[in-house]
mmCIF file of all heavy atoms, coordinates in Angstrom:
data_MODEL
# 
_entry.id   MODEL 
# 
loop_
_atom_site.group_PDB 
_atom_site.id 
_atom_site.type_symbol 
_atom_site.label_atom_id 
_atom_site.label_alt_id 
_atom_site.label_comp_id 
_atom_site.label_asym_id 
_atom_site.label_entity_id 
_atom_site.label_seq_id 
_atom_site.pdbx_PDB_ins_code 
_atom_site.Cartn_x 
_atom_site.Cartn_y 
_atom_site.Cartn_z 
_atom_site.occupancy 
_atom_site.B_iso_or_equiv 
_atom_site.pdbx_formal_charge 
_atom_site.auth_seq_id 
_atom_site.auth_comp_id 
_atom_site.auth_asym_id 
_atom_site.auth_atom_id 
_atom_site.pdbx_PDB_model_num 
ATOM 1   N N   . LEU A 1 1  ? 5.267   2.790   4.134   1.00 0.00 ? 1  LEU A N   1 
ATOM 2   C CA  . LEU A 1 1  ? 4.275   3.716   4.676   1.00 0.00 ? 1  LEU A CA  1 
ATOM 3   C C   . LEU A 1 1  ? 4.751   4.350   5.972   1.00 0.00 ? 1  LEU A C   1 
ATOM 4   O O   . LEU A 1 1  ? 5.394   3.694   6.793   1.00 0.00 ? 1  LEU A O   1 
ATOM 5   C CB  . LEU A 1 1  ? 2.954   2.985   4.926   1.00 0.00 ? 1  LEU A CB  1 
ATOM 6   C CG  . LEU A 1 1  ? 2.299   2.334   3.713   1.00 0.00 ? 1  LEU A CG  1 
ATOM 7   C CD1 . LEU A 1 1  ? 1.108   1.487   4.148   1.00 0.00 ? 1  LEU A CD1 1 
ATOM 8   C CD2 . LEU A 1 1  ? 1.875   3.393   2.712   1.00 0.00 ? 1  LEU A CD2 1 
ATOM 9   N N   . SER A 1 2  ? 4.397   5.609   6.158   1.00 0.00 ? 2  SER A N   1 
ATOM 10  C CA  . SER A 1 2  ? 4.729   6.330   7.385   1.00 0.00 ? 2  SER A CA  1 
ATOM 11  C C   . SER A 1 2  ? 3.565   6.276   8.362   1.00 0.00 ? 2  SER A C   1 
ATOM 12  O O   . SER A 1 2  ? 2.409   6.346   7.952   1.00 0.00 ? 2  SER A O   1 
ATOM 13  C CB  . SER A 1 2  ? 5.043   7.796   7.061   1.00 0.00 ? 2  SER A CB  1 
ATOM 14  O OG  . SER A 1 2  ? 6.148   7.885   6.211   1.00 0.00 ? 2  SER A OG  1 
ATOM 15  N N   . LYS A 1 3  ? 3.901   6.169   9.642   1.00 0.00 ? 3  LYS A N   1 
ATOM 16  C CA  . LYS A 1 3  ? 2.890   6.217   10.697  1.00 0.00 ? 3  LYS A CA  1 
ATOM 17  C C   . LYS A 1 3  ? 2.515   7.661   10.946  1.00 0.00 ? 3  LYS A C   1 
ATOM 18  O O   . LYS A 1 3  ? 3.377   8.534   10.841  1.00 0.00 ? 3  LYS A O   1 
ATOM 19  C CB  . LYS A 1 3  ? 3.426   5.592   11.988  1.00 0.00 ? 3  LYS A CB  1 
ATOM 20  C CG  . LYS A 1 3  ? 3.696   4.117   11.886  1.00 0.00 ? 3  LYS A CG  1 
ATOM 21  C CD  . LYS A 1 3  ? 4.275   3.613   13.192  1.00 0.00 ? 3  LYS A CD  1 
ATOM 22  C CE  . LYS A 1 3  ? 4.653   2.146   13.099  1.00 0.00 ? 3  LYS A CE  1 
ATOM 23  N NZ  . LYS A 1 3  ? 5.279   1.678   14.346  1.00 0.00 ? 3  LYS A NZ  1 
ATOM 24  N N   . PRO A 1 4  ? 1.299   7.957   11.309  1.00 0.00 ? 4  PRO A N   1 
ATOM 25  C CA  . PRO A 1 4  ? 0.191   7.012   11.376  1.00 0.00 ? 4  PRO A CA  1 
ATOM 26  C C   . PRO A 1 4  ? -0.235  6.595   9.971   1.00 0.00 ? 4  PRO A C   1 
ATOM 27  O O   . PRO A 1 4  ? -0.300  7.422   9.053   1.00 0.00 ? 4  PRO A O   1 
ATOM 28  C CB  . PRO A 1 4  ? -0.920  7.797   12.072  1.00 0.00 ? 4  PRO A CB  1 
ATOM 29  C CG  . PRO A 1 4  ? -0.613  9.231   11.789  1.00 0.00 ? 4  PRO A CG  1 
ATOM 30  C CD  . PRO A 1 4  ? 0.886   9.318   11.658  1.00 0.00 ? 4  PRO A CD  1 
ATOM 31  N N   . VAL A 1 5  ? -0.482  5.316   9.813   1.00 0.00 ? 5  VAL A N   1 
ATOM 32  C CA  . VAL A 1 5  ? -0.817  4.760   8.513   1.00 0.00 ? 5  VAL A CA  1 
ATOM 33  C C   . VAL A 1 5  ? -2.277  5.052   8.185   1.00 0.00 ? 5  VAL A C   1 
ATOM 34  O O   . VAL A 1 5  ? -3.167  4.802   8.993   1.00 0.00 ? 5  VAL A O   1 
ATOM 35  C CB  . VAL A 1 5  ? -0.561  3.238   8.495   1.00 0.00 ? 5  VAL A CB  1 
ATOM 36  C CG1 . VAL A 1 5  ? -1.018  2.623   7.184   1.00 0.00 ? 5  VAL A CG1 1 
ATOM 37  C CG2 . VAL A 1 5  ? 0.912   2.954   8.744   1.00 0.00 ? 5  VAL A CG2 1 
ATOM 38  N N   . ASP A 1 6  ? -2.488  5.594   7.005   1.00 0.00 ? 6  ASP A N   1 
ATOM 39  C CA  . ASP A 1 6  ? -3.840  5.843   6.504   1.00 0.00 ? 6  ASP A CA  1 
ATOM 40  C C   . ASP A 1 6  ? -4.464  4.499   6.118   1.00 0.00 ? 6  ASP A C   1 
ATOM 41  O O   . ASP A 1 6  ? -3.842  3.701   5.408   1.00 0.00 ? 6  ASP A O   1 
ATOM 42  C CB  . ASP A 1 6  ? -3.764  6.764   5.279   1.00 0.00 ? 6  ASP A CB  1 
ATOM 43  C CG  . ASP A 1 6  ? -5.116  7.000   4.672   1.00 0.00 ? 6  ASP A CG  1 
ATOM 44  O OD1 . ASP A 1 6  ? -5.871  7.837   5.200   1.00 0.00 ? 6  ASP A OD1 1 
ATOM 45  O OD2 . ASP A 1 6  ? -5.423  6.333   3.653   1.00 0.00 ? 6  ASP A OD2 1 
ATOM 46  N N   . ASP A 1 7  ? -5.688  4.236   6.586   1.00 0.00 ? 7  ASP A N   1 
ATOM 47  C CA  . ASP A 1 7  ? -6.361  2.967   6.313   1.00 0.00 ? 7  ASP A CA  1 
ATOM 48  C C   . ASP A 1 7  ? -6.464  2.686   4.820   1.00 0.00 ? 7  ASP A C   1 
ATOM 49  O O   . ASP A 1 7  ? -6.245  1.563   4.366   1.00 0.00 ? 7  ASP A O   1 
ATOM 50  C CB  . ASP A 1 7  ? -7.765  2.948   6.930   1.00 0.00 ? 7  ASP A CB  1 
ATOM 51  C CG  . ASP A 1 7  ? -7.742  2.958   8.447   1.00 0.00 ? 7  ASP A CG  1 
ATOM 52  O OD1 . ASP A 1 7  ? -6.648  2.881   9.050   1.00 0.00 ? 7  ASP A OD1 1 
ATOM 53  O OD2 . ASP A 1 7  ? -8.834  3.040   9.050   1.00 0.00 ? 7  ASP A OD2 1 
ATOM 54  N N   . GLY A 1 8  ? -6.797  3.708   4.046   1.00 0.00 ? 8  GLY A N   1 
ATOM 55  C CA  . GLY A 1 8  ? -6.933  3.543   2.599   1.00 0.00 ? 8  GLY A CA  1 
ATOM 56  C C   . GLY A 1 8  ? -5.613  3.188   1.939   1.00 0.00 ? 8  GLY A C   1 
ATOM 57  O O   . GLY A 1 8  ? -5.571  2.355   1.023   1.00 0.00 ? 8  GLY A O   1 
ATOM 58  N N   . ASP A 1 9  ? -4.525  3.802   2.396   1.00 0.00 ? 9  ASP A N   1 
ATOM 59  C CA  . ASP A 1 9  ? -3.203  3.493   1.844   1.00 0.00 ? 9  ASP A CA  1 
ATOM 60  C C   . ASP A 1 9  ? -2.821  2.047   2.160   1.00 0.00 ? 9  ASP A C   1 
ATOM 61  O O   . ASP A 1 9  ? -2.294  1.339   1.301   1.00 0.00 ? 9  ASP A O   1 
ATOM 62  C CB  . ASP A 1 9  ? -2.138  4.435   2.406   1.00 0.00 ? 9  ASP A CB  1 
ATOM 63  C CG  . ASP A 1 9  ? -2.240  5.845   1.857   1.00 0.00 ? 9  ASP A CG  1 
ATOM 64  O OD1 . ASP A 1 9  ? -2.902  6.046   0.817   1.00 0.00 ? 9  ASP A OD1 1 
ATOM 65  O OD2 . ASP A 1 9  ? -1.649  6.754   2.480   1.00 0.00 ? 9  ASP A OD2 1 
ATOM 66  N N   . LEU A 1 10 ? -3.089  1.615   3.377   1.00 0.00 ? 10 LEU A N   1 
ATOM 67  C CA  . LEU A 1 10 ? -2.770  0.242   3.749   1.00 0.00 ? 10 LEU A CA  1 
ATOM 68  C C   . LEU A 1 10 ? -3.596  -0.742  2.918   1.00 0.00 ? 10 LEU A C   1 
ATOM 69  O O   . LEU A 1 10 ? -3.065  -1.730  2.413   1.00 0.00 ? 10 LEU A O   1 
ATOM 70  C CB  . LEU A 1 10 ? -3.004  0.002   5.241   1.00 0.00 ? 10 LEU A CB  1 
ATOM 71  C CG  . LEU A 1 10 ? -2.688  -1.414  5.719   1.00 0.00 ? 10 LEU A CG  1 
ATOM 72  C CD1 . LEU A 1 10 ? -1.226  -1.771  5.459   1.00 0.00 ? 10 LEU A CD1 1 
ATOM 73  C CD2 . LEU A 1 10 ? -3.020  -1.561  7.191   1.00 0.00 ? 10 LEU A CD2 1 
ATOM 74  N N   . GLU A 1 11 ? -4.876  -0.456  2.748   1.00 0.00 ? 11 GLU A N   1 
ATOM 75  C CA  . GLU A 1 11 ? -5.726  -1.345  1.949   1.00 0.00 ? 11 GLU A CA  1 
ATOM 76  C C   . GLU A 1 11 ? -5.218  -1.413  0.506   1.00 0.00 ? 11 GLU A C   1 
ATOM 77  O O   . GLU A 1 11 ? -5.144  -2.489  -0.091  1.00 0.00 ? 11 GLU A O   1 
ATOM 78  C CB  . GLU A 1 11 ? -7.170  -0.865  1.987   1.00 0.00 ? 11 GLU A CB  1 
ATOM 79  C CG  . GLU A 1 11 ? -8.117  -1.799  1.273   1.00 0.00 ? 11 GLU A CG  1 
ATOM 80  C CD  . GLU A 1 11 ? -9.572  -1.397  1.415   1.00 0.00 ? 11 GLU A CD  1 
ATOM 81  O OE1 . GLU A 1 11 ? -9.866  -0.345  2.008   1.00 0.00 ? 11 GLU A OE1 1 
ATOM 82  O OE2 . GLU A 1 11 ? -10.422 -2.154  0.917   1.00 0.00 ? 11 GLU A OE2 1 
ATOM 83  N N   . ARG A 1 12 ? -4.843  -0.289  -0.064  1.00 0.00 ? 12 ARG A N   1 
ATOM 84  C CA  . ARG A 1 12 ? -4.311  -0.240  -1.431  1.00 0.00 ? 12 ARG A CA  1 
ATOM 85  C C   . ARG A 1 12 ? -3.020  -1.061  -1.531  1.00 0.00 ? 12 ARG A C   1 
ATOM 86  O O   . ARG A 1 12 ? -2.824  -1.826  -2.481  1.00 0.00 ? 12 ARG A O   1 
ATOM 87  C CB  . ARG A 1 12 ? -4.064  1.215   -1.823  1.00 0.00 ? 12 ARG A CB  1 
ATOM 88  C CG  . ARG A 1 12 ? -3.497  1.420   -3.199  1.00 0.00 ? 12 ARG A CG  1 
ATOM 89  C CD  . ARG A 1 12 ? -3.352  2.914   -3.528  1.00 0.00 ? 12 ARG A CD  1 
ATOM 90  N NE  . ARG A 1 12 ? -2.701  3.690   -2.478  1.00 0.00 ? 12 ARG A NE  1 
ATOM 91  C CZ  . ARG A 1 12 ? -1.393  3.855   -2.370  1.00 0.00 ? 12 ARG A CZ  1 
ATOM 92  N NH1 . ARG A 1 12 ? -0.581  3.310   -3.241  1.00 0.00 ? 12 ARG A NH1 1 
ATOM 93  N NH2 . ARG A 1 12 ? -0.885  4.592   -1.395  1.00 0.00 ? 12 ARG A NH2 1 
ATOM 94  N N   . CYS A 1 13 ? -2.165  -0.926  -0.542  1.00 0.00 ? 13 CYS A N   1 
ATOM 95  C CA  . CYS A 1 13 ? -0.913  -1.679  -0.538  1.00 0.00 ? 13 CYS A CA  1 
ATOM 96  C C   . CYS A 1 13 ? -1.156  -3.175  -0.405  1.00 0.00 ? 13 CYS A C   1 
ATOM 97  O O   . CYS A 1 13 ? -0.500  -3.981  -1.074  1.00 0.00 ? 13 CYS A O   1 
ATOM 98  C CB  . CYS A 1 13 ? -0.006  -1.195  0.592   1.00 0.00 ? 13 CYS A CB  1 
ATOM 99  S SG  . CYS A 1 13 ? 0.704   0.437   0.288   1.00 0.00 ? 13 CYS A SG  1 
ATOM 100 N N   . LEU A 1 14 ? -2.100  -3.552  0.454   1.00 0.00 ? 14 LEU A N   1 
ATOM 101 C CA  . LEU A 1 14 ? -2.434  -4.967  0.602   1.00 0.00 ? 14 LEU A CA  1 
ATOM 102 C C   . LEU A 1 14 ? -2.953  -5.550  -0.705  1.00 0.00 ? 14 LEU A C   1 
ATOM 103 O O   . LEU A 1 14 ? -2.551  -6.642  -1.115  1.00 0.00 ? 14 LEU A O   1 
ATOM 104 C CB  . LEU A 1 14 ? -3.472  -5.167  1.711   1.00 0.00 ? 14 LEU A CB  1 
ATOM 105 C CG  . LEU A 1 14 ? -2.948  -5.138  3.130   1.00 0.00 ? 14 LEU A CG  1 
ATOM 106 C CD1 . LEU A 1 14 ? -4.092  -5.032  4.125   1.00 0.00 ? 14 LEU A CD1 1 
ATOM 107 C CD2 . LEU A 1 14 ? -2.119  -6.386  3.401   1.00 0.00 ? 14 LEU A CD2 1 
ATOM 108 N N   . ARG A 1 15 ? -3.852  -4.828  -1.363  1.00 0.00 ? 15 ARG A N   1 
ATOM 109 C CA  . ARG A 1 15 ? -4.375  -5.307  -2.649  1.00 0.00 ? 15 ARG A CA  1 
ATOM 110 C C   . ARG A 1 15 ? -3.252  -5.480  -3.658  1.00 0.00 ? 15 ARG A C   1 
ATOM 111 O O   . ARG A 1 15 ? -3.181  -6.480  -4.366  1.00 0.00 ? 15 ARG A O   1 
ATOM 112 C CB  . ARG A 1 15 ? -5.428  -4.343  -3.191  1.00 0.00 ? 15 ARG A CB  1 
ATOM 113 C CG  . ARG A 1 15 ? -6.804  -4.583  -2.648  1.00 0.00 ? 15 ARG A CG  1 
ATOM 114 C CD  . ARG A 1 15 ? -7.883  -3.900  -3.478  1.00 0.00 ? 15 ARG A CD  1 
ATOM 115 N NE  . ARG A 1 15 ? -7.569  -2.513  -3.794  1.00 0.00 ? 15 ARG A NE  1 
ATOM 116 C CZ  . ARG A 1 15 ? -7.957  -1.465  -3.086  1.00 0.00 ? 15 ARG A CZ  1 
ATOM 117 N NH1 . ARG A 1 15 ? -8.706  -1.641  -2.020  1.00 0.00 ? 15 ARG A NH1 1 
ATOM 118 N NH2 . ARG A 1 15 ? -7.618  -0.245  -3.436  1.00 0.00 ? 15 ARG A NH2 1 
ATOM 119 N N   . SER A 1 16 ? -2.368  -4.506  -3.726  1.00 0.00 ? 16 SER A N   1 
ATOM 120 C CA  . SER A 1 16 ? -1.248  -4.591  -4.653  1.00 0.00 ? 16 SER A CA  1 
ATOM 121 C C   . SER A 1 16 ? -0.346  -5.781  -4.315  1.00 0.00 ? 16 SER A C   1 
ATOM 122 O O   . SER A 1 16 ? 0.058   -6.535  -5.199  1.00 0.00 ? 16 SER A O   1 
ATOM 123 C CB  . SER A 1 16 ? -0.438  -3.299  -4.610  1.00 0.00 ? 16 SER A CB  1 
ATOM 124 O OG  . SER A 1 16 ? 0.669   -3.388  -5.464  1.00 0.00 ? 16 SER A OG  1 
ATOM 125 N N   . ALA A 1 17 ? -0.038  -5.939  -3.045  1.00 0.00 ? 17 ALA A N   1 
ATOM 126 C CA  . ALA A 1 17 ? 0.838   -7.023  -2.609  1.00 0.00 ? 17 ALA A CA  1 
ATOM 127 C C   . ALA A 1 17 ? 0.235   -8.387  -2.921  1.00 0.00 ? 17 ALA A C   1 
ATOM 128 O O   . ALA A 1 17 ? 0.925   -9.291  -3.390  1.00 0.00 ? 17 ALA A O   1 
ATOM 129 C CB  . ALA A 1 17 ? 1.112   -6.911  -1.111  1.00 0.00 ? 17 ALA A CB  1 
ATOM 130 N N   . LEU A 1 18 ? -1.051  -8.528  -2.696  1.00 0.00 ? 18 LEU A N   1 
ATOM 131 C CA  . LEU A 1 18 ? -1.699  -9.825  -2.882  1.00 0.00 ? 18 LEU A CA  1 
ATOM 132 C C   . LEU A 1 18 ? -2.061  -10.105 -4.335  1.00 0.00 ? 18 LEU A C   1 
ATOM 133 O O   . LEU A 1 18 ? -2.190  -11.261 -4.728  1.00 0.00 ? 18 LEU A O   1 
ATOM 134 C CB  . LEU A 1 18 ? -2.930  -9.921  -1.986  1.00 0.00 ? 18 LEU A CB  1 
ATOM 135 C CG  . LEU A 1 18 ? -2.591  -9.906  -0.494  1.00 0.00 ? 18 LEU A CG  1 
ATOM 136 C CD1 . LEU A 1 18 ? -3.837  -9.749  0.337   1.00 0.00 ? 18 LEU A CD1 1 
ATOM 137 C CD2 . LEU A 1 18 ? -1.821  -11.168 -0.099  1.00 0.00 ? 18 LEU A CD2 1 
ATOM 138 N N   . ASN A 1 19 ? -2.196  -9.076  -5.132  1.00 0.00 ? 19 ASN A N   1 
ATOM 139 C CA  . ASN A 1 19 ? -2.547  -9.273  -6.540  1.00 0.00 ? 19 ASN A CA  1 
ATOM 140 C C   . ASN A 1 19 ? -1.342  -9.439  -7.443  1.00 0.00 ? 19 ASN A C   1 
ATOM 141 O O   . ASN A 1 19 ? -1.338  -10.255 -8.334  1.00 0.00 ? 19 ASN A O   1 
ATOM 142 C CB  . ASN A 1 19 ? -3.423  -8.115  -7.055  1.00 0.00 ? 19 ASN A CB  1 
ATOM 143 C CG  . ASN A 1 19 ? -4.791  -8.149  -6.441  1.00 0.00 ? 19 ASN A CG  1 
ATOM 144 O OD1 . ASN A 1 19 ? -5.307  -9.209  -6.127  1.00 0.00 ? 19 ASN A OD1 1 
ATOM 145 N ND2 . ASN A 1 19 ? -5.375  -6.989  -6.263  1.00 0.00 ? 19 ASN A ND2 1 
ATOM 146 N N   . SER A 1 20 ? -0.320  -8.655  -7.206  1.00 0.00 ? 20 SER A N   1 
ATOM 147 C CA  . SER A 1 20 ? 0.814   -8.719  -8.133  1.00 0.00 ? 20 SER A CA  1 
ATOM 148 C C   . SER A 1 20 ? 2.170   -8.731  -7.434  1.00 0.00 ? 20 SER A C   1 
ATOM 149 O O   . SER A 1 20 ? 3.145   -9.177  -7.997  1.00 0.00 ? 20 SER A O   1 
ATOM 150 C CB  . SER A 1 20 ? 0.772   -7.530  -9.075  1.00 0.00 ? 20 SER A CB  1 
ATOM 151 O OG  . SER A 1 20 ? 1.023   -6.327  -8.363  1.00 0.00 ? 20 SER A OG  1 
ATOM 152 N N   . GLY A 1 21 ? 2.208   -8.204  -6.230  1.00 0.00 ? 21 GLY A N   1 
ATOM 153 C CA  . GLY A 1 21 ? 3.480   -8.101  -5.530  1.00 0.00 ? 21 GLY A CA  1 
ATOM 154 C C   . GLY A 1 21 ? 4.368   -6.989  -6.075  1.00 0.00 ? 21 GLY A C   1 
ATOM 155 O O   . GLY A 1 21 ? 5.507   -6.846  -5.662  1.00 0.00 ? 21 GLY A O   1 
ATOM 156 N N   . LYS A 1 22 ? 3.847   -6.217  -7.034  1.00 0.00 ? 22 LYS A N   1 
ATOM 157 C CA  . LYS A 1 22 ? 4.635   -5.129  -7.619  1.00 0.00 ? 22 LYS A CA  1 
ATOM 158 C C   . LYS A 1 22 ? 4.564   -3.899  -6.727  1.00 0.00 ? 22 LYS A C   1 
ATOM 159 O O   . LYS A 1 22 ? 3.536   -3.624  -6.135  1.00 0.00 ? 22 LYS A O   1 
ATOM 160 C CB  . LYS A 1 22 ? 4.097   -4.786  -9.008  1.00 0.00 ? 22 LYS A CB  1 
ATOM 161 C CG  . LYS A 1 22 ? 4.312   -5.886  -10.014 1.00 0.00 ? 22 LYS A CG  1 
ATOM 162 C CD  . LYS A 1 22 ? 3.806   -5.471  -11.368 1.00 0.00 ? 22 LYS A CD  1 
ATOM 163 C CE  . LYS A 1 22 ? 3.986   -6.627  -12.348 1.00 0.00 ? 22 LYS A CE  1 
ATOM 164 N NZ  . LYS A 1 22 ? 3.411   -6.314  -13.643 1.00 0.00 ? 22 LYS A NZ  1 
ATOM 165 N N   . PRO A 1 23 ? 5.662   -3.156  -6.639  1.00 0.00 ? 23 PRO A N   1 
ATOM 166 C CA  . PRO A 1 23 ? 5.656   -1.950  -5.825  1.00 0.00 ? 23 PRO A CA  1 
ATOM 167 C C   . PRO A 1 23 ? 4.582   -0.957  -6.279  1.00 0.00 ? 23 PRO A C   1 
ATOM 168 O O   . PRO A 1 23 ? 4.298   -0.832  -7.446  1.00 0.00 ? 23 PRO A O   1 
ATOM 169 C CB  . PRO A 1 23 ? 7.048   -1.355  -6.038  1.00 0.00 ? 23 PRO A CB  1 
ATOM 170 C CG  . PRO A 1 23 ? 7.885   -2.520  -6.460  1.00 0.00 ? 23 PRO A CG  1 
ATOM 171 C CD  . PRO A 1 23 ? 6.961   -3.423  -7.229  1.00 0.00 ? 23 PRO A CD  1 
ATOM 172 N N   . VAL A 1 24 ? 3.987   -0.304  -5.307  1.00 0.00 ? 24 VAL A N   1 
ATOM 173 C CA  . VAL A 1 24 ? 3.000   0.727   -5.580  1.00 0.00 ? 24 VAL A CA  1 
ATOM 174 C C   . VAL A 1 24 ? 3.772   2.014   -5.837  1.00 0.00 ? 24 VAL A C   1 
ATOM 175 O O   . VAL A 1 24 ? 4.663   2.374   -5.079  1.00 0.00 ? 24 VAL A O   1 
ATOM 176 C CB  . VAL A 1 24 ? 2.036   0.887   -4.377  1.00 0.00 ? 24 VAL A CB  1 
ATOM 177 C CG1 . VAL A 1 24 ? 1.096   2.042   -4.590  1.00 0.00 ? 24 VAL A CG1 1 
ATOM 178 C CG2 . VAL A 1 24 ? 1.268   -0.402  -4.168  1.00 0.00 ? 24 VAL A CG2 1 
ATOM 179 N N   . GLU A 1 25 ? 3.437   2.705   -6.894  1.00 0.00 ? 25 GLU A N   1 
ATOM 180 C CA  . GLU A 1 25 ? 4.172   3.911   -7.295  1.00 0.00 ? 25 GLU A CA  1 
ATOM 181 C C   . GLU A 1 25 ? 4.183   4.991   -6.229  1.00 0.00 ? 25 GLU A C   1 
ATOM 182 O O   . GLU A 1 25 ? 5.195   5.610   -5.970  1.00 0.00 ? 25 GLU A O   1 
ATOM 183 C CB  . GLU A 1 25 ? 3.579   4.483   -8.584  1.00 0.00 ? 25 GLU A CB  1 
ATOM 184 C CG  . GLU A 1 25 ? 3.833   3.599   -9.787  1.00 0.00 ? 25 GLU A CG  1 
ATOM 185 C CD  . GLU A 1 25 ? 5.292   3.520   -10.179 1.00 0.00 ? 25 GLU A CD  1 
ATOM 186 O OE1 . GLU A 1 25 ? 5.980   4.540   -10.079 1.00 0.00 ? 25 GLU A OE1 1 
ATOM 187 O OE2 . GLU A 1 25 ? 5.734   2.427   -10.563 1.00 0.00 ? 25 GLU A OE2 1 
ATOM 188 N N   . GLU A 1 26 ? 3.045   5.273   -5.617  1.00 0.00 ? 26 GLU A N   1 
ATOM 189 C CA  . GLU A 1 26 ? 2.943   6.422   -4.724  1.00 0.00 ? 26 GLU A CA  1 
ATOM 190 C C   . GLU A 1 26 ? 3.059   6.015   -3.260  1.00 0.00 ? 26 GLU A C   1 
ATOM 191 O O   . GLU A 1 26 ? 2.113   6.116   -2.508  1.00 0.00 ? 26 GLU A O   1 
ATOM 192 C CB  . GLU A 1 26 ? 1.624   7.140   -4.966  1.00 0.00 ? 26 GLU A CB  1 
ATOM 193 C CG  . GLU A 1 26 ? 1.496   7.663   -6.374  1.00 0.00 ? 26 GLU A CG  1 
ATOM 194 C CD  . GLU A 1 26 ? 0.142   8.239   -6.654  1.00 0.00 ? 26 GLU A CD  1 
ATOM 195 O OE1 . GLU A 1 26 ? -0.646  8.433   -5.699  1.00 0.00 ? 26 GLU A OE1 1 
ATOM 196 O OE2 . GLU A 1 26 ? -0.148  8.501   -7.822  1.00 0.00 ? 26 GLU A OE2 1 
ATOM 197 N N   . ASN A 1 27 ? 4.208   5.550   -2.850  1.00 0.00 ? 27 ASN A N   1 
ATOM 198 C CA  . ASN A 1 27 ? 4.450   5.215   -1.447  1.00 0.00 ? 27 ASN A CA  1 
ATOM 199 C C   . ASN A 1 27 ? 4.978   6.444   -0.737  1.00 0.00 ? 27 ASN A C   1 
ATOM 200 O O   . ASN A 1 27 ? 5.729   7.204   -1.298  1.00 0.00 ? 27 ASN A O   1 
ATOM 201 C CB  . ASN A 1 27 ? 5.490   4.095   -1.333  1.00 0.00 ? 27 ASN A CB  1 
ATOM 202 C CG  . ASN A 1 27 ? 4.998   2.828   -1.935  1.00 0.00 ? 27 ASN A CG  1 
ATOM 203 O OD1 . ASN A 1 27 ? 4.011   2.275   -1.475  1.00 0.00 ? 27 ASN A OD1 1 
ATOM 204 N ND2 . ASN A 1 27 ? 5.644   2.364   -2.981  1.00 0.00 ? 27 ASN A ND2 1 
ATOM 205 N N   . SER A 1 28 ? 4.577   6.607   0.509   1.00 0.00 ? 28 SER A N   1 
ATOM 206 C CA  . SER A 1 28 ? 5.104   7.752   1.248   1.00 0.00 ? 28 SER A CA  1 
ATOM 207 C C   . SER A 1 28 ? 5.687   7.319   2.566   1.00 0.00 ? 28 SER A C   1 
ATOM 208 O O   . SER A 1 28 ? 5.496   6.285   3.047   1.00 0.00 ? 28 SER A O   1 
ATOM 209 C CB  . SER A 1 28 ? 4.011   8.786   1.469   1.00 0.00 ? 28 SER A CB  1 
ATOM 210 O OG  . SER A 1 28 ? 2.860   8.197   2.017   1.00 0.00 ? 28 SER A OG  1 
# 
């Protein structure tokens, strides 16, 4: 993620990391 980090993007990444650990397709 690029700064400034969007809260929604961070939350989505956290959910992905904690649920599956698989990379999120739409990272910026």
